[in-house]
C-alpha atoms as a PDB file:
ATOM      1  CA  MET A   1      -0.004   0.015   0.041  1.00  0.00           C
ATOM      2  CA  GLU A   2       1.378   3.395  -1.016  1.00  0.00           C
ATOM      3  CA  LYS A   3       1.562   5.840   1.849  1.00  0.00           C
ATOM      4  CA  ILE A   4       0.082   9.315   1.770  1.00  0.00           C
ATOM      5  CA  ARG A   5       3.125  11.575   1.434  1.00  0.00           C
ATOM      6  CA  VAL A   6       2.778  14.689   3.643  1.00  0.00           C
ATOM      7  CA  LEU A   7       4.786  17.928   3.695  1.00  0.00           C
ATOM      8  CA  LEU A   8       4.712  20.089   6.866  1.00  0.00           C
ATOM      9  CA  VAL A   9       4.898  23.847   6.490  1.00  0.00           C
ATOM     10  CA  ASP A  10       5.016  25.768   9.794  1.00  0.00           C
ATOM     11  CA  ASP A  11       7.503  28.208  11.221  1.00  0.00           C
ATOM     12  CA  HIS A  12       7.409  26.586  14.676  1.00  0.00           C
ATOM     13  CA  GLU A  13       9.714  23.571  14.941  1.00  0.00           C
ATOM     14  CA  ILE A  14       7.843  22.203  17.923  1.00  0.00           C
ATOM     15  CA  VAL A  15       4.585  22.213  15.970  1.00  0.00           C
ATOM     16  CA  ARG A  16       6.174  20.342  13.101  1.00  0.00           C
ATOM     17  CA  LEU A  17       7.677  17.792  15.509  1.00  0.00           C
ATOM     18  CA  GLY A  18       4.257  17.113  17.010  1.00  0.00           C
ATOM     19  CA  LEU A  19       2.619  16.757  13.613  1.00  0.00           C
ATOM     20  CA  MET A  20       5.400  14.489  12.381  1.00  0.00           C
ATOM     21  CA  THR A  21       5.029  12.176  15.353  1.00  0.00           C
ATOM     22  CA  LEU A  22       1.252  11.958  14.898  1.00  0.00           C
ATOM     23  CA  ILE A  23       1.402  11.416  11.122  1.00  0.00           C
ATOM     24  CA  ASN A  24       4.273   8.881  11.084  1.00  0.00           C
ATOM     25  CA  ASP A  25       2.409   6.830  13.705  1.00  0.00           C
ATOM     26  CA  GLN A  26      -0.255   6.169  11.010  1.00  0.00           C
ATOM     27  CA  ALA A  27       0.398   3.066   8.846  1.00  0.00           C
ATOM     28  CA  GLU A  28      -0.728   4.715   5.693  1.00  0.00           C
ATOM     29  CA  MET A  29       0.965   8.118   6.101  1.00  0.00           C
ATOM     30  CA  GLN A  30       4.530   9.412   6.039  1.00  0.00           C
ATOM     31  CA  VAL A  31       6.024  12.924   6.502  1.00  0.00           C
ATOM     32  CA  VAL A  32       8.410  13.367   3.542  1.00  0.00           C
ATOM     33  CA  GLY A  33       9.592  16.897   4.314  1.00  0.00           C
ATOM     34  CA  GLU A  34       9.420  20.084   6.421  1.00  0.00           C
ATOM     35  CA  ALA A  35       9.526  23.769   5.687  1.00  0.00           C
ATOM     36  CA  GLY A  36       9.518  26.813   7.918  1.00  0.00           C
ATOM     37  CA  THR A  37       8.762  29.418   5.253  1.00  0.00           C
ATOM     38  CA  ALA A  38       6.648  29.702   2.087  1.00  0.00           C
ATOM     39  CA  ALA A  39       9.843  29.912  -0.003  1.00  0.00           C
ATOM     40  CA  GLU A  40      11.146  26.687   1.460  1.00  0.00           C
ATOM     41  CA  ALA A  41       7.723  25.093   0.925  1.00  0.00           C
ATOM     42  CA  LEU A  42       7.783  25.902  -2.804  1.00  0.00           C
ATOM     43  CA  VAL A  43      11.287  24.285  -3.119  1.00  0.00           C
ATOM     44  CA  CYS A  44      10.131  21.179  -1.205  1.00  0.00           C
ATOM     45  CA  VAL A  45       6.975  20.739  -3.261  1.00  0.00           C
ATOM     46  CA  GLU A  46       8.945  20.883  -6.472  1.00  0.00           C
ATOM     47  CA  LYS A  47      11.485  18.382  -5.182  1.00  0.00           C
ATOM     48  CA  LEU A  48       9.254  15.977  -3.175  1.00  0.00           C
ATOM     49  CA  HIS A  49       5.828  16.175  -4.890  1.00  0.00           C
ATOM     50  CA  PRO A  50       3.868  15.418  -1.703  1.00  0.00           C
ATOM     51  CA  ASP A  51       0.252  14.235  -1.825  1.00  0.00           C
ATOM     52  CA  VAL A  52      -0.885  16.537   0.949  1.00  0.00           C
ATOM     53  CA  ILE A  53       0.609  19.697   2.454  1.00  0.00           C
ATOM     54  CA  LEU A  54      -0.227  20.975   5.875  1.00  0.00           C
ATOM     55  CA  MET A  55       0.213  24.678   5.463  1.00  0.00           C
ATOM     56  CA  ASP A  56       0.234  27.266   8.314  1.00  0.00           C
ATOM     57  CA  ILE A  57      -1.591  30.455   7.221  1.00  0.00           C
ATOM     58  CA  ARG A  58       0.770  32.833   9.078  1.00  0.00           C
ATOM     59  CA  LEU A  59       4.310  32.471   7.817  1.00  0.00           C
ATOM     60  CA  PRO A  60       7.270  34.877   7.889  1.00  0.00           C
ATOM     61  CA  GLY A  61       7.518  36.681   4.520  1.00  0.00           C
ATOM     62  CA  LEU A  62       5.150  35.268   1.935  1.00  0.00           C
ATOM     63  CA  SER A  63       1.839  34.199   3.601  1.00  0.00           C
ATOM     64  CA  GLY A  64       0.609  30.606   3.642  1.00  0.00           C
ATOM     65  CA  ILE A  65      -2.351  31.744   1.531  1.00  0.00           C
ATOM     66  CA  GLU A  66      -0.128  33.223  -1.211  1.00  0.00           C
ATOM     67  CA  ALA A  67       2.090  30.102  -1.098  1.00  0.00           C
ATOM     68  CA  THR A  68      -1.070  28.030  -1.499  1.00  0.00           C
ATOM     69  CA  ARG A  69      -2.133  30.039  -4.563  1.00  0.00           C
ATOM     70  CA  GLN A  70       1.319  29.461  -6.202  1.00  0.00           C
ATOM     71  CA  ILE A  71       1.486  25.765  -5.376  1.00  0.00           C
ATOM     72  CA  VAL A  72      -2.018  25.069  -6.605  1.00  0.00           C
ATOM     73  CA  GLN A  73      -1.141  26.720  -9.963  1.00  0.00           C
ATOM     74  CA  LYS A  74       2.206  24.931 -10.397  1.00  0.00           C
ATOM     75  CA  PHE A  75       1.582  21.602  -8.653  1.00  0.00           C
ATOM     76  CA  PRO A  76      -2.227  20.868  -8.750  1.00  0.00           C
ATOM     77  CA  ASN A  77      -1.753  17.246  -7.660  1.00  0.00           C
ATOM     78  CA  SER A  78      -0.530  18.356  -4.251  1.00  0.00           C
ATOM     79  CA  LYS A  79      -3.574  19.017  -2.066  1.00  0.00           C
ATOM     80  CA  ILE A  80      -3.214  21.741   0.629  1.00  0.00           C
ATOM     81  CA  ILE A  81      -4.791  21.824   4.028  1.00  0.00           C
ATOM     82  CA  MET A  82      -4.634  25.133   5.847  1.00  0.00           C
ATOM     83  CA  LEU A  83      -3.632  24.432   9.484  1.00  0.00           C
ATOM     84  CA  THR A  84      -3.966  27.523  11.744  1.00  0.00           C
ATOM     85  CA  SER A  85      -4.820  28.826  15.215  1.00  0.00           C
ATOM     86  CA  TYR A  86      -6.846  31.673  13.656  1.00  0.00           C
ATOM     87  CA  THR A  87     -10.592  31.474  13.355  1.00  0.00           C
ATOM     88  CA  ASP A  88     -10.991  34.638  11.248  1.00  0.00           C
ATOM     89  CA  ASN A  89     -13.836  34.058   8.812  1.00  0.00           C
ATOM     90  CA  GLU A  90     -12.191  36.114   6.107  1.00  0.00           C
ATOM     91  CA  LEU A  91      -9.075  33.865   6.233  1.00  0.00           C
ATOM     92  CA  VAL A  92     -11.278  30.819   5.619  1.00  0.00           C
ATOM     93  CA  VAL A  93     -12.708  32.502   2.522  1.00  0.00           C
ATOM     94  CA  GLN A  94      -9.221  33.620   1.295  1.00  0.00           C
ATOM     95  CA  ALA A  95      -7.852  30.137   1.768  1.00  0.00           C
ATOM     96  CA  ILE A  96     -10.655  28.601  -0.280  1.00  0.00           C
ATOM     97  CA  ARG A  97     -10.210  31.110  -3.025  1.00  0.00           C
ATOM     98  CA  ALA A  98      -6.455  30.350  -3.063  1.00  0.00           C
ATOM     99  CA  GLY A  99      -7.295  26.737  -3.806  1.00  0.00           C
ATOM    100  CA  ALA A 100      -6.926  25.049  -0.426  1.00  0.00           C
ATOM    101  CA  SER A 101      -8.588  21.628  -0.164  1.00  0.00           C
ATOM    102  CA  GLY A 102      -9.296  22.048   3.573  1.00  0.00           C
ATOM    103  CA  TYR A 103      -9.095  24.358   6.545  1.00  0.00           C
ATOM    104  CA  VAL A 104      -8.354  22.886   9.963  1.00  0.00           C
ATOM    105  CA  LEU A 105      -7.866  24.631  13.283  1.00  0.00           C
ATOM    106  CA  LYS A 106      -4.854  23.604  15.316  1.00  0.00           C
ATOM    107  CA  GLN A 107      -7.193  23.198  18.289  1.00  0.00           C
ATOM    108  CA  VAL A 108      -9.046  20.267  16.778  1.00  0.00           C
ATOM    109  CA  GLY A 109      -8.309  16.730  17.870  1.00  0.00           C
ATOM    110  CA  ASN A 110      -5.915  14.379  16.227  1.00  0.00           C
ATOM    111  CA  SER A 111      -8.667  12.333  14.638  1.00  0.00           C
ATOM    112  CA  GLU A 112     -10.145  15.330  12.908  1.00  0.00           C
ATOM    113  CA  LEU A 113      -6.757  16.330  11.422  1.00  0.00           C
ATOM    114  CA  LEU A 114      -6.075  12.757  10.188  1.00  0.00           C
ATOM    115  CA  ARG A 115      -9.616  12.656   8.715  1.00  0.00           C
ATOM    116  CA  ALA A 116      -8.836  15.865   6.742  1.00  0.00           C
ATOM    117  CA  ILE A 117      -5.529  14.435   5.452  1.00  0.00           C
ATOM    118  CA  ARG A 118      -7.188  11.280   4.259  1.00  0.00           C
ATOM    119  CA  ALA A 119     -10.017  13.258   2.618  1.00  0.00           C
ATOM    120  CA  ALA A 120      -7.491  15.547   0.841  1.00  0.00           C
ATOM    121  CA  ALA A 121      -5.461  12.503  -0.371  1.00  0.00           C
ATOM    122  CA  ARG A 122      -8.700  11.058  -1.895  1.00  0.00           C
ATOM    123  CA  GLY A 123      -9.241  14.317  -3.741  1.00  0.00           C
ATOM    124  CA  GLU A 124     -12.005  15.573  -1.453  1.00  0.00           C
ATOM    125  CA  ALA A 125     -12.042  19.043  -0.167  1.00  0.00           C
ATOM    126  CA  LEU A 126     -13.084  19.341   3.454  1.00  0.00           C
ATOM    127  CA  LEU A 127     -13.533  21.995   6.079  1.00  0.00           C
ATOM    128  CA  ASP A 128     -13.305  20.802   9.687  1.00  0.00           C
ATOM    129  CA  THR A 129     -16.510  21.018  11.681  1.00  0.00           C
ATOM    130  CA  ASN A 130     -15.491  24.173  13.542  1.00  0.00           C
ATOM    131  CA  ALA A 131     -14.435  26.113  10.432  1.00  0.00           C
ATOM    132  CA  ALA A 132     -17.485  24.938   8.505  1.00  0.00           C
ATOM    133  CA  ALA A 133     -19.756  26.084  11.305  1.00  0.00           C
ATOM    134  CA  ARG A 134     -18.077  29.498  11.546  1.00  0.00           C
ATOM    135  CA  LEU A 135     -18.287  29.917   7.793  1.00  0.00           C
ATOM    136  CA  LEU A 136     -21.912  28.995   7.781  1.00  0.00           C
ATOM    137  CA  ALA A 137     -22.780  31.396  10.606  1.00  0.00           C
ATOM    138  CA  HIS A 138     -20.782  34.243   8.973  1.00  0.00           C
ATOM    139  CA  LEU A 139     -22.164  33.889   5.492  1.00  0.00           C
ATOM    140  CA  ARG A 140     -25.762  33.451   6.656  1.00  0.00           C
ATOM    141  CA  HIS A 141     -25.598  36.967   8.137  1.00  0.00           C
ATOM    142  CA  VAL A 142     -24.111  38.609   5.052  1.00  0.00           C
ATOM    143  CA  GLU A 143     -26.642  40.966   3.533  1.00  0.00           C
ATOM    144  CA  LYS A 144     -27.240  39.419   0.065  1.00  0.00           C
ATOM    145  CA  LYS A 145     -30.246  39.124  -2.125  1.00  0.00           C
ATOM    146  CA  LEU A 146     -31.561  35.504  -2.337  1.00  0.00           C
ATOM    147  CA  ASP A 147     -30.904  34.027  -5.755  1.00  0.00           C
ATOM    148  CA  ASP A 148     -34.115  32.200  -6.461  1.00  0.00           C
ATOM    149  CA  HIS A 149     -32.558  30.332  -9.355  1.00  0.00           C
ATOM    150  CA  ALA A 150     -29.385  29.130  -7.610  1.00  0.00           C
ATOM    151  CA  PHE A 151     -30.719  25.588  -7.013  1.00  0.00           C
ATOM    152  CA  GLN A 152     -33.502  25.311  -9.604  1.00  0.00           C
ATOM    153  CA  ASN A 153     -31.750  22.533 -11.535  1.00  0.00           C
ATOM    154  CA  LEU A 154     -31.076  20.327  -8.517  1.00  0.00           C
ATOM    155  CA  SER A 155     -33.344  17.410  -7.475  1.00  0.00           C
ATOM    156  CA  GLU A 156     -34.646  16.957  -3.958  1.00  0.00           C
ATOM    157  CA  ARG A 157     -32.095  14.260  -3.333  1.00  0.00           C
ATOM    158  CA  GLU A 158     -29.290  16.486  -4.600  1.00  0.00           C
ATOM    159  CA  LEU A 159     -30.399  19.192  -2.243  1.00  0.00           C
ATOM    160  CA  ASP A 160     -30.268  16.629   0.636  1.00  0.00           C
ATOM    161  CA  VAL A 161     -26.671  15.703  -0.354  1.00  0.00           C
ATOM    162  CA  LEU A 162     -25.740  19.393  -0.772  1.00  0.00           C
ATOM    163  CA  LEU A 163     -26.919  20.117   2.763  1.00  0.00           C
ATOM    164  CA  GLU A 164     -24.763  17.431   4.166  1.00  0.00           C
ATOM    165  CA  VAL A 165     -21.718  18.757   2.194  1.00  0.00           C
ATOM    166  CA  VAL A 166     -22.295  22.141   3.786  1.00  0.00           C
ATOM    167  CA  ARG A 167     -22.273  20.426   7.224  1.00  0.00           C
ATOM    168  CA  GLY A 168     -18.737  19.253   6.461  1.00  0.00           C
ATOM    169  CA  LYS A 169     -19.451  15.530   6.030  1.00  0.00           C
ATOM    170  CA  THR A 170     -17.422  13.168   3.828  1.00  0.00           C
ATOM    171  CA  ASN A 171     -19.049  11.068   1.158  1.00  0.00           C
ATOM    172  CA  LEU A 172     -19.051   8.035   3.433  1.00  0.00           C
ATOM    173  CA  GLU A 173     -20.718   9.999   6.220  1.00  0.00           C
ATOM    174  CA  ILE A 174     -23.318  11.417   3.867  1.00  0.00           C
ATOM    175  CA  GLY A 175     -24.127   7.941   2.700  1.00  0.00           C
ATOM    176  CA  GLN A 176     -24.629   6.710   6.224  1.00  0.00           C
ATOM    177  CA  THR A 177     -26.897   9.718   6.968  1.00  0.00           C
ATOM    178  CA  LEU A 178     -29.002   9.433   3.807  1.00  0.00           C
ATOM    179  CA  ASN A 179     -28.878   5.615   3.515  1.00  0.00           C
ATOM    180  CA  LEU A 180     -26.977   5.773   0.211  1.00  0.00           C
ATOM    181  CA  GLN A 181     -23.883   3.951  -1.123  1.00  0.00           C
ATOM    182  CA  GLU A 182     -20.665   6.032  -1.031  1.00  0.00           C
ATOM    183  CA  LYS A 183     -20.383   5.680  -4.775  1.00  0.00           C
ATOM    184  CA  THR A 184     -23.926   7.030  -5.208  1.00  0.00           C
ATOM    185  CA  VAL A 185     -23.081  10.015  -3.032  1.00  0.00           C
ATOM    186  CA  ARG A 186     -19.949  10.636  -5.039  1.00  0.00           C
ATOM    187  CA  ASN A 187     -22.038  10.570  -8.240  1.00  0.00           C
ATOM    188  CA  TYR A 188     -24.522  13.056  -6.703  1.00  0.00           C
ATOM    189  CA  VAL A 189     -21.734  15.394  -5.720  1.00  0.00           C
ATOM    190  CA  SER A 190     -20.204  15.252  -9.260  1.00  0.00           C
ATOM    191  CA  SER A 191     -23.625  15.971 -10.740  1.00  0.00           C
ATOM    192  CA  ILE A 192     -24.232  18.981  -8.444  1.00  0.00           C
ATOM    193  CA  LEU A 193     -20.782  20.396  -9.156  1.00  0.00           C
ATOM    194  CA  GLU A 194     -21.403  20.076 -12.928  1.00  0.00           C
ATOM    195  CA  LYS A 195     -24.867  21.736 -12.676  1.00  0.00           C
ATOM    196  CA  LEU A 196     -23.513  24.642 -10.623  1.00  0.00           C
ATOM    197  CA  ASN A 197     -20.295  24.948 -12.580  1.00  0.00           C
ATOM    198  CA  LEU A 198     -18.071  24.581  -9.528  1.00  0.00           C
ATOM    199  CA  SER A 199     -14.742  22.792  -9.019  1.00  0.00           C
ATOM    200  CA  ASN A 200     -14.871  21.126  -5.643  1.00  0.00           C
ATOM    201  CA  ARG A 201     -16.963  20.601  -2.501  1.00  0.00           C
ATOM    202  CA  VAL A 202     -15.497  23.508  -0.548  1.00  0.00           C
ATOM    203  CA  GLU A 203     -16.554  25.891  -3.338  1.00  0.00           C
ATOM    204  CA  LEU A 204     -19.856  24.085  -3.277  1.00  0.00           C
ATOM    205  CA  ALA A 205     -20.307  24.676   0.462  1.00  0.00           C
ATOM    206  CA  VAL A 206     -19.518  28.362   0.105  1.00  0.00           C
ATOM    207  CA  TYR A 207     -21.860  28.720  -2.878  1.00  0.00           C
ATOM    208  CA  ALA A 208     -24.673  26.949  -0.966  1.00  0.00           C
ATOM    209  CA  VAL A 209     -24.411  29.251   2.015  1.00  0.00           C
ATOM    210  CA  GLN A 210     -23.998  32.371  -0.075  1.00  0.00           C
ATOM    211  CA  HIS A 211     -27.235  31.505  -1.885  1.00  0.00           C
ATOM    212  CA  HIS A 212     -29.088  30.633   1.289  1.00  0.00           C
ATOM    213  CA  LEU A 213     -29.514  26.904   0.805  1.00  0.00           C
ATOM    214  CA  LEU A 214     -31.092  26.600   4.231  1.00  0.00           C
ATOM    215  CA  GLU A 215     -33.918  28.820   3.056  1.00  0.00           C
ATOM    216  CA  HIS A 216     -34.819  26.054   0.595  1.00  0.00           C
ATOM    217  CA  ILE A 217     -34.515  23.014   2.834  1.00  0.00           C
ATOM    218  CA  PRO A 218     -37.329  23.778   5.332  1.00  0.00           C
ATOM    219  CA  LYS A 219     -39.848  24.277   2.395  1.00  0.00           C
ATOM    220  CA  LYS A 220     -39.558  20.580   1.665  1.00  0.00           C
ATOM    221  CA  SER A 221     -40.892  19.485   5.013  1.00  0.00           C
END
């Protein structure tokens, strides 16, 4: 079994050490490199081609968000998870726009972080529960006109799946909630992305909240 190759980018050595210990204890994961700055990270990605990059948002010099933007453009096969102590809603949005596949707070438990790494390695974009909840709360209070046509092409089942995506669930978890096979959920997500002309499930979650998905769901009951 090929291991998930992980690159750590954080300017605090003790943080990198803790992450390395956690990740290398997993049978299917391996830390292949470390970087303390965005510049070092760019060099490491080019040399090591990691599957997943844990990227601190606040770095000396070039920010983690700008580094993410450059890495996504040059090395799209390396998926980036923003790992940060900051819960600023604007940073979540900026990270998503830069192309991050996930946003995880350093305060979360080990299992949540490992879950995010596995999801990113599978090609899924995932916000941790805390970040998703904050983003949801923030965007629901933004003064925007409801787009009545935002979801007009989605079926009822697709709306059900979309709601679970907004709640930060993986395909497997959505399947368990809605009594669907994981493959069926994956097909639903692909169909929704195509209909809404979006690239990944994080963009999908942001789109859903911006267009007041929760205004549609209660009308079904």
